[in-house]
Structures are given as structure tokens and as C-alpha cells.
Amino acid sequence: MGKMPTGYKINRQLIIAMRLGLNGHQPYTLAAIGKKFNLSRQRIQQLLEKEGIAVKKLADDQTFFSGPKLIKQSWFPIKSLVTLRKLIDTGKIKAVNISTDPRLKRYHVNRQEVTRFLNAWDELEGDPAGVKSIKKDKNYFSCPALVKQLWFPVKSLVTLNKLIKQGKIKAIDLSTNPEFKRYYIHKDEAIRYVAAVLKEI
């Protein structure tokens, strides 16, 4: 390991406070702390573990953040309300809807849930929705790839998208633009659909 910069003891205490949400600090991700001190995420993790601090342990607080307030926090990695809303809608972040109008969503996120999400963000290296892992998973098919499979009965992307919207085939939407859908379908779900079609014949 290389030498720590001058003022290590002060920096070490601040790093601990930032990670655990102590002394008025909000809990920071490892990457955010590393950026502040010009150190790698791995180095920050090593320092915390050396001090006997479990990296995944964060302060437990019952404070709630509204969506707009949460994305304004310097330590929170999501800066788009659209992205935050999508993560909530897909269950990646648990939130409470306090809106009295069923047509509107006013999400509030518990601080404990925020810290859980920050840990997940660290583990996925900035990929909270699991997009990279799903794309690399050979058990998932994109729609274009699925319709090309000889064993899959649907050969039209339009038809496949329609079936997904109707709920007849479960899929994960990995699109970043709400106007466009990039569905990924697990192989087991595709096989389940094929079996259902065969029963109807």
C-alpha cells in the first residue's frame, strides 16, 4: 500500500464520519469519498476495514427524503427525478407515496433505505438497476434476440411488445428514455409462455 497523504489522522476520521453518517454528515458512497480525497474506491474500503468498520454498516436514521430533496444531496449518485422514479417503480428503491391523489406520485424515501441503496450502488459499481449484469446474463434475451430463436413462436417485435404490455409475458425494461422500451426477458419466462401457447393449441 502507498503512503497516505499528509494529515492522515484527520482525513481518516472524516472518512469514517462521511461513511457512517456521523457528526452531521450524510452517508457517502465509497466512490464519493474517494473522489473527495483523490483515492480509489478500493483504497477507501481498505481504510475503513482497517479501522474495523464494516463497509456495509451505515447509520440507521428514520429521516425521510422527498424525491426532489434526495437527488439534490451531493452524496446521492442519482441526479434525475425520472431515473429515481423508475428505480422506485421497479422496486430497486423502496419508497412511500404520500400523495392523496391516486394519479400523482409523491415519493418519500426512508434514510435507512437510502443507505441500503448506496451499498447496492457500491456493489454494482454504479449500476443500481442491474443493467450490466442483466445484459451479461445469458439467461436473458433482448426482444430482437428472442424473436430470432427458432423455438420461440412470436416472430414480430411489435407483437412481442404488445404481449409484454398486456402482461402476458413478464419483462424488465432497461431503457433510460421513458419514450422507448428496451425489454429483456428471462429464458424461464419465455419457456413458460411457449408452454402456455402449446396448451391453447
N, C-alpha and C. Protein backbone atom coordinates (compact mmCIF):
# COMPACT_ATOMS: atom_id res chain seq x y z
N MET A 1 0.83 -1.20 0.00
CA MET A 1 0.00 0.00 0.00
C MET A 1 0.87 1.25 0.00
N GLY A 2 0.47 2.27 -0.73
CA GLY A 2 1.20 3.51 -0.75
C GLY A 2 0.99 4.31 0.52
N LYS A 3 1.80 5.33 0.72
CA LYS A 3 1.67 6.17 1.91
C LYS A 3 0.43 7.04 1.80
N MET A 4 -0.19 7.25 2.96
CA MET A 4 -1.34 8.15 2.99
C MET A 4 -0.86 9.58 2.89
N PRO A 5 -1.68 10.47 2.36
CA PRO A 5 -1.29 11.87 2.27
C PRO A 5 -1.14 12.50 3.65
N THR A 6 -0.51 13.67 3.69
CA THR A 6 -0.32 14.40 4.94
C THR A 6 -1.68 14.66 5.59
N GLY A 7 -1.71 14.55 6.92
CA GLY A 7 -2.98 14.77 7.62
C GLY A 7 -3.84 13.53 7.63
N TYR A 8 -3.20 12.36 7.58
CA TYR A 8 -3.94 11.10 7.50
C TYR A 8 -4.94 10.93 8.63
N LYS A 9 -4.53 11.25 9.88
CA LYS A 9 -5.42 11.03 11.02
C LYS A 9 -6.70 11.85 10.88
N ILE A 10 -6.56 13.11 10.45
CA ILE A 10 -7.73 13.96 10.28
C ILE A 10 -8.60 13.42 9.15
N ASN A 11 -7.96 13.06 8.04
CA ASN A 11 -8.70 12.53 6.91
C ASN A 11 -9.39 11.21 7.26
N ARG A 12 -8.70 10.38 8.02
CA ARG A 12 -9.27 9.10 8.41
C ARG A 12 -10.55 9.30 9.21
N GLN A 13 -10.51 10.22 10.16
CA GLN A 13 -11.69 10.49 10.98
C GLN A 13 -12.84 11.03 10.13
N LEU A 14 -12.50 11.87 9.17
CA LEU A 14 -13.52 12.45 8.31
C LEU A 14 -14.12 11.38 7.39
N ILE A 15 -13.26 10.50 6.89
CA ILE A 15 -13.72 9.40 6.04
C ILE A 15 -14.72 8.52 6.79
N ILE A 16 -14.38 8.21 8.03
CA ILE A 16 -15.27 7.38 8.85
C ILE A 16 -16.60 8.09 9.07
N ALA A 17 -16.52 9.39 9.39
CA ALA A 17 -17.74 10.16 9.63
C ALA A 17 -18.61 10.24 8.39
N MET A 18 -17.97 10.42 7.24
CA MET A 18 -18.71 10.51 5.98
C MET A 18 -19.39 9.19 5.65
N ARG A 19 -18.69 8.09 5.86
CA ARG A 19 -19.25 6.79 5.51
C ARG A 19 -20.39 6.38 6.44
N LEU A 20 -20.22 6.69 7.73
CA LEU A 20 -21.22 6.26 8.71
C LEU A 20 -22.32 7.30 8.95
N GLY A 21 -22.18 8.47 8.34
CA GLY A 21 -23.20 9.49 8.55
C GLY A 21 -23.11 10.11 9.93
N LEU A 22 -21.88 10.33 10.43
CA LEU A 22 -21.68 10.88 11.76
C LEU A 22 -21.40 12.38 11.70
N ASN A 23 -21.51 13.03 12.87
CA ASN A 23 -21.15 14.45 13.00
C ASN A 23 -21.85 15.35 11.98
N GLY A 24 -23.10 15.03 11.71
CA GLY A 24 -23.86 15.86 10.79
C GLY A 24 -23.67 15.53 9.33
N HIS A 25 -22.80 14.58 9.02
CA HIS A 25 -22.59 14.18 7.62
C HIS A 25 -23.70 13.24 7.17
N GLN A 26 -24.01 13.29 5.89
CA GLN A 26 -24.88 12.30 5.28
C GLN A 26 -24.01 11.11 4.89
N PRO A 27 -24.57 9.91 4.81
CA PRO A 27 -23.76 8.76 4.40
C PRO A 27 -23.32 8.88 2.94
N TYR A 28 -22.04 8.77 2.69
CA TYR A 28 -21.49 8.87 1.34
C TYR A 28 -21.19 7.49 0.78
N THR A 29 -21.22 7.37 -0.54
CA THR A 29 -20.77 6.13 -1.18
C THR A 29 -19.25 6.09 -1.12
N LEU A 30 -18.69 4.90 -1.31
CA LEU A 30 -17.23 4.76 -1.31
C LEU A 30 -16.61 5.60 -2.43
N ALA A 31 -17.27 5.59 -3.59
CA ALA A 31 -16.75 6.34 -4.74
C ALA A 31 -16.73 7.84 -4.46
N ALA A 32 -17.79 8.34 -3.80
CA ALA A 32 -17.87 9.77 -3.50
C ALA A 32 -16.79 10.19 -2.52
N ILE A 33 -16.52 9.34 -1.52
CA ILE A 33 -15.46 9.64 -0.56
C ILE A 33 -14.11 9.63 -1.27
N GLY A 34 -13.91 8.62 -2.11
CA GLY A 34 -12.65 8.51 -2.84
C GLY A 34 -12.39 9.72 -3.71
N LYS A 35 -13.45 10.22 -4.34
CA LYS A 35 -13.30 11.40 -5.21
C LYS A 35 -12.88 12.62 -4.40
N LYS A 36 -13.44 12.76 -3.21
CA LYS A 36 -13.13 13.90 -2.37
C LYS A 36 -11.67 13.89 -1.92
N PHE A 37 -11.14 12.70 -1.64
CA PHE A 37 -9.78 12.58 -1.13
C PHE A 37 -8.78 12.14 -2.20
N ASN A 38 -9.26 12.07 -3.44
CA ASN A 38 -8.40 11.67 -4.55
C ASN A 38 -7.80 10.28 -4.31
N LEU A 39 -8.65 9.38 -3.83
CA LEU A 39 -8.25 7.99 -3.59
C LEU A 39 -9.23 7.07 -4.31
N SER A 40 -8.82 5.85 -4.56
CA SER A 40 -9.70 4.90 -5.24
C SER A 40 -10.76 4.39 -4.27
N ARG A 41 -11.84 3.90 -4.84
CA ARG A 41 -12.92 3.30 -4.04
C ARG A 41 -12.38 2.14 -3.20
N GLN A 42 -11.50 1.34 -3.81
CA GLN A 42 -10.92 0.19 -3.12
C GLN A 42 -10.06 0.63 -1.93
N ARG A 43 -9.33 1.76 -2.12
CA ARG A 43 -8.47 2.26 -1.04
C ARG A 43 -9.30 2.73 0.15
N ILE A 44 -10.42 3.39 -0.15
CA ILE A 44 -11.31 3.84 0.93
C ILE A 44 -11.85 2.63 1.69
N GLN A 45 -12.23 1.60 0.95
CA GLN A 45 -12.75 0.39 1.58
C GLN A 45 -11.69 -0.25 2.47
N GLN A 46 -10.44 -0.27 2.01
CA GLN A 46 -9.35 -0.84 2.79
C GLN A 46 -9.15 -0.06 4.09
N LEU A 47 -9.21 1.26 3.99
CA LEU A 47 -9.03 2.10 5.17
C LEU A 47 -10.12 1.85 6.21
N LEU A 48 -11.34 1.75 5.74
CA LEU A 48 -12.46 1.52 6.65
C LEU A 48 -12.35 0.15 7.31
N GLU A 49 -12.00 -0.85 6.53
CA GLU A 49 -11.87 -2.20 7.07
C GLU A 49 -10.71 -2.28 8.06
N LYS A 50 -9.65 -1.52 7.79
CA LYS A 50 -8.50 -1.48 8.69
C LYS A 50 -8.90 -0.91 10.04
N GLU A 51 -9.86 0.00 10.03
CA GLU A 51 -10.34 0.62 11.27
C GLU A 51 -11.42 -0.23 11.93
N GLY A 52 -11.68 -1.41 11.37
CA GLY A 52 -12.67 -2.29 11.97
C GLY A 52 -14.10 -1.90 11.66
N ILE A 53 -14.28 -1.12 10.60
CA ILE A 53 -15.62 -0.67 10.22
C ILE A 53 -16.12 -1.50 9.05
N ALA A 54 -17.22 -2.18 9.25
CA ALA A 54 -17.81 -2.95 8.16
C ALA A 54 -18.34 -1.97 7.13
N VAL A 55 -17.91 -2.12 5.90
CA VAL A 55 -18.25 -1.17 4.85
C VAL A 55 -19.76 -1.05 4.65
N LYS A 56 -20.47 -2.15 4.86
CA LYS A 56 -21.90 -2.14 4.59
C LYS A 56 -22.74 -1.62 5.76
N LYS A 57 -22.09 -1.27 6.87
CA LYS A 57 -22.83 -0.78 8.02
C LYS A 57 -22.92 0.74 7.97
N LEU A 58 -24.11 1.24 7.87
CA LEU A 58 -24.32 2.68 7.85
C LEU A 58 -25.25 3.07 8.99
N ALA A 59 -25.24 4.35 9.30
CA ALA A 59 -26.08 4.84 10.39
C ALA A 59 -27.55 4.60 10.10
N ASP A 60 -28.29 4.20 11.13
CA ASP A 60 -29.73 3.96 10.98
C ASP A 60 -30.48 5.19 11.45
N ASP A 61 -31.20 5.80 10.54
CA ASP A 61 -31.92 7.03 10.85
C ASP A 61 -33.30 6.95 10.22
N GLN A 62 -34.31 7.48 10.89
CA GLN A 62 -35.68 7.38 10.39
C GLN A 62 -36.10 8.59 9.56
N THR A 63 -35.14 9.42 9.19
CA THR A 63 -35.45 10.60 8.38
C THR A 63 -35.94 10.18 7.00
N PHE A 64 -36.91 10.90 6.50
CA PHE A 64 -37.41 10.64 5.15
C PHE A 64 -36.97 11.77 4.21
N PHE A 65 -36.60 11.39 3.01
CA PHE A 65 -36.26 12.35 1.97
C PHE A 65 -37.35 12.34 0.91
N SER A 66 -37.76 13.51 0.46
CA SER A 66 -38.64 13.55 -0.71
C SER A 66 -37.76 13.30 -1.92
N GLY A 67 -38.37 12.91 -3.04
CA GLY A 67 -37.59 12.66 -4.25
C GLY A 67 -36.73 13.84 -4.67
N PRO A 68 -37.33 15.06 -4.80
CA PRO A 68 -36.54 16.22 -5.20
C PRO A 68 -35.42 16.55 -4.22
N LYS A 69 -35.68 16.37 -2.93
CA LYS A 69 -34.66 16.66 -1.92
C LYS A 69 -33.52 15.65 -2.00
N LEU A 70 -33.88 14.40 -2.27
CA LEU A 70 -32.87 13.34 -2.28
C LEU A 70 -31.87 13.52 -3.41
N ILE A 71 -32.36 13.84 -4.62
CA ILE A 71 -31.42 13.96 -5.75
C ILE A 71 -30.55 15.21 -5.64
N LYS A 72 -30.93 16.14 -4.76
CA LYS A 72 -30.11 17.35 -4.57
C LYS A 72 -28.96 17.13 -3.59
N GLN A 73 -28.98 15.99 -2.89
CA GLN A 73 -27.90 15.70 -1.95
C GLN A 73 -26.62 15.42 -2.73
N SER A 74 -25.54 16.08 -2.34
CA SER A 74 -24.27 15.92 -3.06
C SER A 74 -23.76 14.49 -3.02
N TRP A 75 -24.12 13.75 -1.98
CA TRP A 75 -23.62 12.39 -1.81
C TRP A 75 -24.47 11.34 -2.51
N PHE A 76 -25.66 11.74 -3.02
CA PHE A 76 -26.54 10.75 -3.64
C PHE A 76 -26.23 10.66 -5.13
N PRO A 77 -25.97 9.46 -5.66
CA PRO A 77 -25.49 9.34 -7.05
C PRO A 77 -26.53 9.58 -8.13
N ILE A 78 -27.83 9.48 -7.82
CA ILE A 78 -28.87 9.70 -8.82
C ILE A 78 -29.24 11.18 -8.85
N LYS A 79 -29.18 11.79 -10.02
CA LYS A 79 -29.46 13.22 -10.14
C LYS A 79 -30.68 13.52 -11.01
N SER A 80 -31.38 12.49 -11.43
CA SER A 80 -32.55 12.67 -12.28
C SER A 80 -33.79 12.13 -11.58
N LEU A 81 -34.83 12.96 -11.52
CA LEU A 81 -36.09 12.51 -10.92
C LEU A 81 -36.71 11.37 -11.72
N VAL A 82 -36.53 11.42 -13.04
CA VAL A 82 -37.07 10.37 -13.91
C VAL A 82 -36.41 9.03 -13.57
N THR A 83 -35.08 9.06 -13.41
CA THR A 83 -34.35 7.83 -13.07
C THR A 83 -34.73 7.34 -11.69
N LEU A 84 -34.83 8.27 -10.74
CA LEU A 84 -35.21 7.89 -9.37
C LEU A 84 -36.60 7.27 -9.35
N ARG A 85 -37.52 7.89 -10.07
CA ARG A 85 -38.89 7.38 -10.15
C ARG A 85 -38.91 5.97 -10.75
N LYS A 86 -38.09 5.76 -11.76
CA LYS A 86 -38.03 4.46 -12.41
C LYS A 86 -37.49 3.40 -11.45
N LEU A 87 -36.46 3.76 -10.69
CA LEU A 87 -35.88 2.83 -9.72
C LEU A 87 -36.90 2.47 -8.64
N ILE A 88 -37.71 3.45 -8.26
CA ILE A 88 -38.76 3.20 -7.27
C ILE A 88 -39.85 2.31 -7.86
N ASP A 89 -40.29 2.65 -9.07
CA ASP A 89 -41.36 1.89 -9.72
C ASP A 89 -40.97 0.43 -9.98
N THR A 90 -39.67 0.20 -10.21
CA THR A 90 -39.20 -1.16 -10.48
C THR A 90 -38.77 -1.88 -9.21
N GLY A 91 -38.95 -1.23 -8.06
CA GLY A 91 -38.67 -1.88 -6.79
C GLY A 91 -37.21 -1.86 -6.37
N LYS A 92 -36.37 -1.12 -7.09
CA LYS A 92 -34.95 -1.05 -6.73
C LYS A 92 -34.75 -0.19 -5.48
N ILE A 93 -35.64 0.78 -5.30
CA ILE A 93 -35.63 1.62 -4.10
C ILE A 93 -37.04 1.60 -3.52
N LYS A 94 -37.17 1.27 -2.25
CA LYS A 94 -38.49 1.26 -1.61
C LYS A 94 -38.84 2.67 -1.15
N ALA A 95 -40.06 3.08 -1.44
CA ALA A 95 -40.49 4.43 -1.07
C ALA A 95 -41.96 4.43 -0.67
N VAL A 96 -42.35 5.49 0.00
CA VAL A 96 -43.74 5.67 0.43
C VAL A 96 -44.36 6.78 -0.41
N ASN A 97 -45.52 6.51 -0.97
CA ASN A 97 -46.22 7.53 -1.74
C ASN A 97 -47.19 8.26 -0.81
N ILE A 98 -46.93 9.53 -0.55
CA ILE A 98 -47.77 10.28 0.40
C ILE A 98 -48.84 11.10 -0.32
N SER A 99 -48.92 10.96 -1.63
CA SER A 99 -49.91 11.72 -2.39
C SER A 99 -51.32 11.23 -2.07
N THR A 100 -52.24 12.17 -1.92
CA THR A 100 -53.64 11.82 -1.69
C THR A 100 -54.39 11.62 -3.01
N ASP A 101 -53.76 12.05 -4.09
CA ASP A 101 -54.34 11.89 -5.42
C ASP A 101 -53.75 10.64 -6.05
N PRO A 102 -54.56 9.62 -6.34
CA PRO A 102 -54.04 8.37 -6.91
C PRO A 102 -53.36 8.54 -8.26
N ARG A 103 -53.61 9.67 -8.91
CA ARG A 103 -52.99 9.91 -10.22
C ARG A 103 -51.58 10.47 -10.08
N LEU A 104 -51.24 10.95 -8.89
CA LEU A 104 -49.94 11.57 -8.68
C LEU A 104 -49.08 10.74 -7.74
N LYS A 105 -47.77 10.90 -7.88
CA LYS A 105 -46.83 10.18 -7.02
C LYS A 105 -45.95 11.20 -6.30
N ARG A 106 -45.97 11.15 -4.99
CA ARG A 106 -45.07 12.00 -4.19
C ARG A 106 -44.30 11.07 -3.26
N TYR A 107 -43.21 10.56 -3.79
CA TYR A 107 -42.46 9.56 -3.06
C TYR A 107 -41.56 10.17 -1.98
N HIS A 108 -41.53 9.49 -0.84
CA HIS A 108 -40.59 9.81 0.22
C HIS A 108 -39.82 8.54 0.54
N VAL A 109 -38.50 8.69 0.67
CA VAL A 109 -37.62 7.53 0.88
C VAL A 109 -36.99 7.61 2.26
N ASN A 110 -37.09 6.53 3.01
CA ASN A 110 -36.50 6.45 4.34
C ASN A 110 -34.98 6.44 4.25
N ARG A 111 -34.32 7.10 5.18
CA ARG A 111 -32.85 7.17 5.15
C ARG A 111 -32.23 5.78 5.21
N GLN A 112 -32.83 4.87 5.97
CA GLN A 112 -32.30 3.51 6.05
C GLN A 112 -32.33 2.84 4.68
N GLU A 113 -33.39 3.11 3.92
CA GLU A 113 -33.49 2.55 2.57
C GLU A 113 -32.47 3.21 1.65
N VAL A 114 -32.21 4.49 1.88
CA VAL A 114 -31.21 5.19 1.08
C VAL A 114 -29.83 4.56 1.29
N THR A 115 -29.49 4.29 2.55
CA THR A 115 -28.18 3.69 2.83
C THR A 115 -28.09 2.28 2.24
N ARG A 116 -29.20 1.54 2.25
CA ARG A 116 -29.20 0.21 1.63
C ARG A 116 -28.93 0.34 0.13
N PHE A 117 -29.55 1.33 -0.49
CA PHE A 117 -29.36 1.55 -1.92
C PHE A 117 -27.91 1.95 -2.22
N LEU A 118 -27.33 2.79 -1.36
CA LEU A 118 -25.94 3.20 -1.55
C LEU A 118 -25.01 1.99 -1.51
N ASN A 119 -25.29 1.06 -0.62
CA ASN A 119 -24.48 -0.16 -0.56
C ASN A 119 -24.64 -0.97 -1.85
N ALA A 120 -25.88 -1.05 -2.34
CA ALA A 120 -26.13 -1.78 -3.59
C ALA A 120 -25.42 -1.09 -4.75
N TRP A 121 -25.42 0.23 -4.73
CA TRP A 121 -24.74 1.01 -5.77
C TRP A 121 -23.25 0.68 -5.77
N ASP A 122 -22.67 0.63 -4.57
CA ASP A 122 -21.25 0.28 -4.45
C ASP A 122 -20.97 -1.11 -5.01
N GLU A 123 -21.83 -2.07 -4.66
CA GLU A 123 -21.62 -3.44 -5.08
C GLU A 123 -21.74 -3.60 -6.59
N LEU A 124 -22.64 -2.83 -7.19
CA LEU A 124 -22.85 -2.93 -8.63
C LEU A 124 -22.00 -1.94 -9.42
N GLU A 125 -21.12 -1.21 -8.68
CA GLU A 125 -20.21 -0.25 -9.30
C GLU A 125 -20.95 0.76 -10.17
N GLY A 126 -21.95 1.37 -9.55
CA GLY A 126 -22.67 2.41 -10.27
C GLY A 126 -23.73 1.91 -11.21
N ASP A 127 -24.19 0.70 -11.01
CA ASP A 127 -25.21 0.12 -11.88
C ASP A 127 -26.39 -0.33 -11.03
N PRO A 128 -27.13 0.61 -10.41
CA PRO A 128 -28.17 0.25 -9.45
C PRO A 128 -29.31 -0.57 -10.01
N ALA A 129 -29.61 -0.40 -11.26
CA ALA A 129 -30.72 -1.14 -11.85
C ALA A 129 -30.30 -2.53 -12.30
N GLY A 130 -29.01 -2.85 -12.17
CA GLY A 130 -28.53 -4.16 -12.58
C GLY A 130 -28.49 -4.33 -14.09
N VAL A 131 -28.42 -3.21 -14.82
CA VAL A 131 -28.46 -3.26 -16.28
C VAL A 131 -27.30 -4.09 -16.84
N LYS A 132 -26.10 -3.81 -16.33
CA LYS A 132 -24.93 -4.52 -16.85
C LYS A 132 -25.02 -6.01 -16.58
N SER A 133 -25.43 -6.37 -15.37
CA SER A 133 -25.49 -7.78 -15.01
C SER A 133 -26.54 -8.52 -15.82
N ILE A 134 -27.67 -7.86 -16.09
CA ILE A 134 -28.73 -8.49 -16.87
C ILE A 134 -28.28 -8.68 -18.32
N LYS A 135 -27.64 -7.67 -18.87
CA LYS A 135 -27.19 -7.77 -20.25
C LYS A 135 -26.14 -8.86 -20.43
N LYS A 136 -25.35 -9.09 -19.38
CA LYS A 136 -24.31 -10.12 -19.46
C LYS A 136 -24.84 -11.51 -19.13
N ASP A 137 -26.03 -11.55 -18.54
CA ASP A 137 -26.62 -12.83 -18.14
C ASP A 137 -27.17 -13.55 -19.37
N LYS A 138 -26.64 -14.72 -19.66
CA LYS A 138 -27.06 -15.47 -20.85
C LYS A 138 -28.47 -16.01 -20.73
N ASN A 139 -29.05 -15.92 -19.53
CA ASN A 139 -30.42 -16.39 -19.34
C ASN A 139 -31.45 -15.33 -19.73
N TYR A 140 -30.98 -14.14 -20.08
CA TYR A 140 -31.88 -13.07 -20.51
C TYR A 140 -31.77 -12.85 -22.02
N PHE A 141 -32.92 -12.62 -22.64
CA PHE A 141 -32.97 -12.31 -24.07
C PHE A 141 -33.48 -10.89 -24.26
N SER A 142 -32.86 -10.14 -25.14
CA SER A 142 -33.47 -8.89 -25.57
C SER A 142 -34.58 -9.29 -26.53
N CYS A 143 -35.52 -8.40 -26.79
CA CYS A 143 -36.63 -8.74 -27.70
C CYS A 143 -36.14 -9.15 -29.09
N PRO A 144 -35.21 -8.39 -29.70
CA PRO A 144 -34.73 -8.79 -31.03
C PRO A 144 -34.08 -10.17 -31.03
N ALA A 145 -33.37 -10.49 -29.93
CA ALA A 145 -32.71 -11.80 -29.85
C ALA A 145 -33.73 -12.91 -29.65
N LEU A 146 -34.78 -12.62 -28.88
CA LEU A 146 -35.77 -13.65 -28.58
C LEU A 146 -36.59 -14.05 -29.81
N VAL A 147 -37.01 -13.06 -30.59
CA VAL A 147 -37.83 -13.39 -31.77
C VAL A 147 -37.04 -14.17 -32.82
N LYS A 148 -35.71 -14.15 -32.71
CA LYS A 148 -34.87 -14.89 -33.66
C LYS A 148 -34.68 -16.35 -33.25
N GLN A 149 -35.08 -16.68 -32.01
CA GLN A 149 -34.94 -18.06 -31.55
C GLN A 149 -35.94 -18.96 -32.28
N LEU A 150 -35.45 -20.07 -32.81
CA LEU A 150 -36.30 -20.97 -33.59
C LEU A 150 -37.45 -21.53 -32.76
N TRP A 151 -37.23 -21.73 -31.46
CA TRP A 151 -38.23 -22.35 -30.61
C TRP A 151 -39.28 -21.36 -30.10
N PHE A 152 -39.04 -20.06 -30.29
CA PHE A 152 -39.99 -19.07 -29.77
C PHE A 152 -41.02 -18.74 -30.84
N PRO A 153 -42.31 -18.86 -30.53
CA PRO A 153 -43.36 -18.73 -31.56
C PRO A 153 -43.61 -17.32 -32.08
N VAL A 154 -43.26 -16.29 -31.31
CA VAL A 154 -43.52 -14.92 -31.74
C VAL A 154 -42.34 -14.43 -32.58
N LYS A 155 -42.62 -13.98 -33.79
CA LYS A 155 -41.56 -13.56 -34.71
C LYS A 155 -41.62 -12.08 -35.03
N SER A 156 -42.54 -11.37 -34.41
CA SER A 156 -42.69 -9.94 -34.66
C SER A 156 -42.39 -9.15 -33.38
N LEU A 157 -41.52 -8.15 -33.50
CA LEU A 157 -41.20 -7.30 -32.35
C LEU A 157 -42.43 -6.52 -31.88
N VAL A 158 -43.25 -6.11 -32.82
CA VAL A 158 -44.47 -5.37 -32.47
C VAL A 158 -45.39 -6.25 -31.63
N THR A 159 -45.56 -7.50 -32.07
CA THR A 159 -46.43 -8.43 -31.34
C THR A 159 -45.85 -8.74 -29.96
N LEU A 160 -44.54 -8.93 -29.89
CA LEU A 160 -43.90 -9.25 -28.62
C LEU A 160 -44.06 -8.10 -27.63
N ASN A 161 -43.85 -6.89 -28.10
CA ASN A 161 -44.01 -5.72 -27.23
C ASN A 161 -45.46 -5.59 -26.76
N LYS A 162 -46.39 -5.93 -27.63
CA LYS A 162 -47.80 -5.88 -27.27
C LYS A 162 -48.12 -6.90 -26.18
N LEU A 163 -47.57 -8.10 -26.31
CA LEU A 163 -47.78 -9.15 -25.31
C LEU A 163 -47.20 -8.74 -23.95
N ILE A 164 -46.07 -8.06 -23.99
CA ILE A 164 -45.44 -7.59 -22.75
C ILE A 164 -46.31 -6.54 -22.08
N LYS A 165 -46.81 -5.59 -22.87
CA LYS A 165 -47.66 -4.53 -22.32
C LYS A 165 -48.97 -5.09 -21.76
N GLN A 166 -49.44 -6.19 -22.35
CA GLN A 166 -50.68 -6.83 -21.89
C GLN A 166 -50.45 -7.70 -20.66
N GLY A 167 -49.18 -7.87 -20.29
CA GLY A 167 -48.86 -8.67 -19.12
C GLY A 167 -48.81 -10.16 -19.37
N LYS A 168 -48.86 -10.57 -20.63
CA LYS A 168 -48.83 -11.99 -20.95
C LYS A 168 -47.41 -12.56 -20.90
N ILE A 169 -46.44 -11.67 -21.05
CA ILE A 169 -45.04 -12.05 -20.90
C ILE A 169 -44.38 -11.04 -19.97
N LYS A 170 -43.77 -11.52 -18.91
CA LYS A 170 -43.10 -10.63 -17.97
C LYS A 170 -41.72 -10.25 -18.51
N ALA A 171 -41.41 -8.96 -18.42
CA ALA A 171 -40.13 -8.48 -18.93
C ALA A 171 -39.60 -7.35 -18.06
N ILE A 172 -38.32 -7.09 -18.19
CA ILE A 172 -37.67 -5.99 -17.47
C ILE A 172 -37.32 -4.91 -18.48
N ASP A 173 -37.71 -3.69 -18.17
CA ASP A 173 -37.43 -2.57 -19.08
C ASP A 173 -36.12 -1.90 -18.65
N LEU A 174 -35.11 -1.97 -19.50
CA LEU A 174 -33.81 -1.39 -19.19
C LEU A 174 -33.57 -0.08 -19.93
N SER A 175 -34.61 0.49 -20.50
CA SER A 175 -34.43 1.73 -21.24
C SER A 175 -34.22 2.90 -20.29
N THR A 176 -33.44 3.87 -20.73
CA THR A 176 -33.22 5.08 -19.94
C THR A 176 -34.13 6.21 -20.41
N ASN A 177 -34.69 6.04 -21.58
CA ASN A 177 -35.63 7.02 -22.12
C ASN A 177 -37.05 6.48 -21.96
N PRO A 178 -37.91 7.19 -21.20
CA PRO A 178 -39.27 6.68 -20.97
C PRO A 178 -40.11 6.52 -22.24
N GLU A 179 -39.68 7.17 -23.33
CA GLU A 179 -40.43 7.07 -24.58
C GLU A 179 -40.10 5.80 -25.36
N PHE A 180 -38.99 5.17 -25.00
CA PHE A 180 -38.58 3.96 -25.70
C PHE A 180 -38.43 2.82 -24.70
N LYS A 181 -38.79 1.63 -25.12
CA LYS A 181 -38.73 0.46 -24.25
C LYS A 181 -37.68 -0.52 -24.76
N ARG A 182 -36.81 -0.94 -23.85
CA ARG A 182 -35.80 -1.95 -24.19
C ARG A 182 -36.01 -3.11 -23.21
N TYR A 183 -36.90 -4.00 -23.60
CA TYR A 183 -37.26 -5.10 -22.72
C TYR A 183 -36.26 -6.25 -22.79
N TYR A 184 -36.04 -6.85 -21.62
CA TYR A 184 -35.24 -8.07 -21.52
C TYR A 184 -36.11 -9.12 -20.84
N ILE A 185 -36.11 -10.32 -21.40
CA ILE A 185 -36.99 -11.40 -20.92
C ILE A 185 -36.15 -12.59 -20.48
N HIS A 186 -36.43 -13.07 -19.28
CA HIS A 186 -35.68 -14.22 -18.77
C HIS A 186 -36.09 -15.48 -19.55
N LYS A 187 -35.14 -16.37 -19.74
CA LYS A 187 -35.38 -17.59 -20.51
C LYS A 187 -36.53 -18.41 -19.91
N ASP A 188 -36.58 -18.49 -18.58
CA ASP A 188 -37.65 -19.26 -17.93
C ASP A 188 -39.03 -18.69 -18.25
N GLU A 189 -39.10 -17.36 -18.32
CA GLU A 189 -40.38 -16.72 -18.63
C GLU A 189 -40.76 -16.97 -20.09
N ALA A 190 -39.77 -16.96 -20.97
CA ALA A 190 -40.03 -17.24 -22.38
C ALA A 190 -40.53 -18.67 -22.56
N ILE A 191 -39.92 -19.61 -21.85
CA ILE A 191 -40.33 -21.01 -21.92
C ILE A 191 -41.73 -21.19 -21.34
N ARG A 192 -42.02 -20.46 -20.25
CA ARG A 192 -43.36 -20.53 -19.65
C ARG A 192 -44.40 -20.08 -20.66
N TYR A 193 -44.09 -19.02 -21.40
CA TYR A 193 -45.03 -18.51 -22.39
C TYR A 193 -45.24 -19.53 -23.51
N VAL A 194 -44.16 -20.16 -23.95
CA VAL A 194 -44.26 -21.18 -25.00
C VAL A 194 -45.16 -22.32 -24.54
N ALA A 195 -44.98 -22.75 -23.30
CA ALA A 195 -45.80 -23.84 -22.76
C ALA A 195 -47.27 -23.44 -22.71
N ALA A 196 -47.53 -22.18 -22.35
CA ALA A 196 -48.91 -21.69 -22.29
C ALA A 196 -49.55 -21.69 -23.68
N VAL A 197 -48.76 -21.32 -24.69
CA VAL A 197 -49.26 -21.30 -26.07
C VAL A 197 -49.59 -22.72 -26.54
N LEU A 198 -48.72 -23.66 -26.21
CA LEU A 198 -48.93 -25.05 -26.62
C LEU A 198 -50.19 -25.64 -25.99
N LYS A 199 -50.49 -25.23 -24.77
CA LYS A 199 -51.70 -25.72 -24.10
C LYS A 199 -52.97 -25.25 -24.80
N GLU A 200 -52.87 -24.05 -25.38
CA GLU A 200 -54.04 -23.47 -26.04
C GLU A 200 -54.31 -24.10 -27.41
N ILE A 201 -53.28 -24.73 -27.96
CA ILE A 201 -53.43 -25.34 -29.30
C ILE A 201 -54.23 -26.64 -29.22
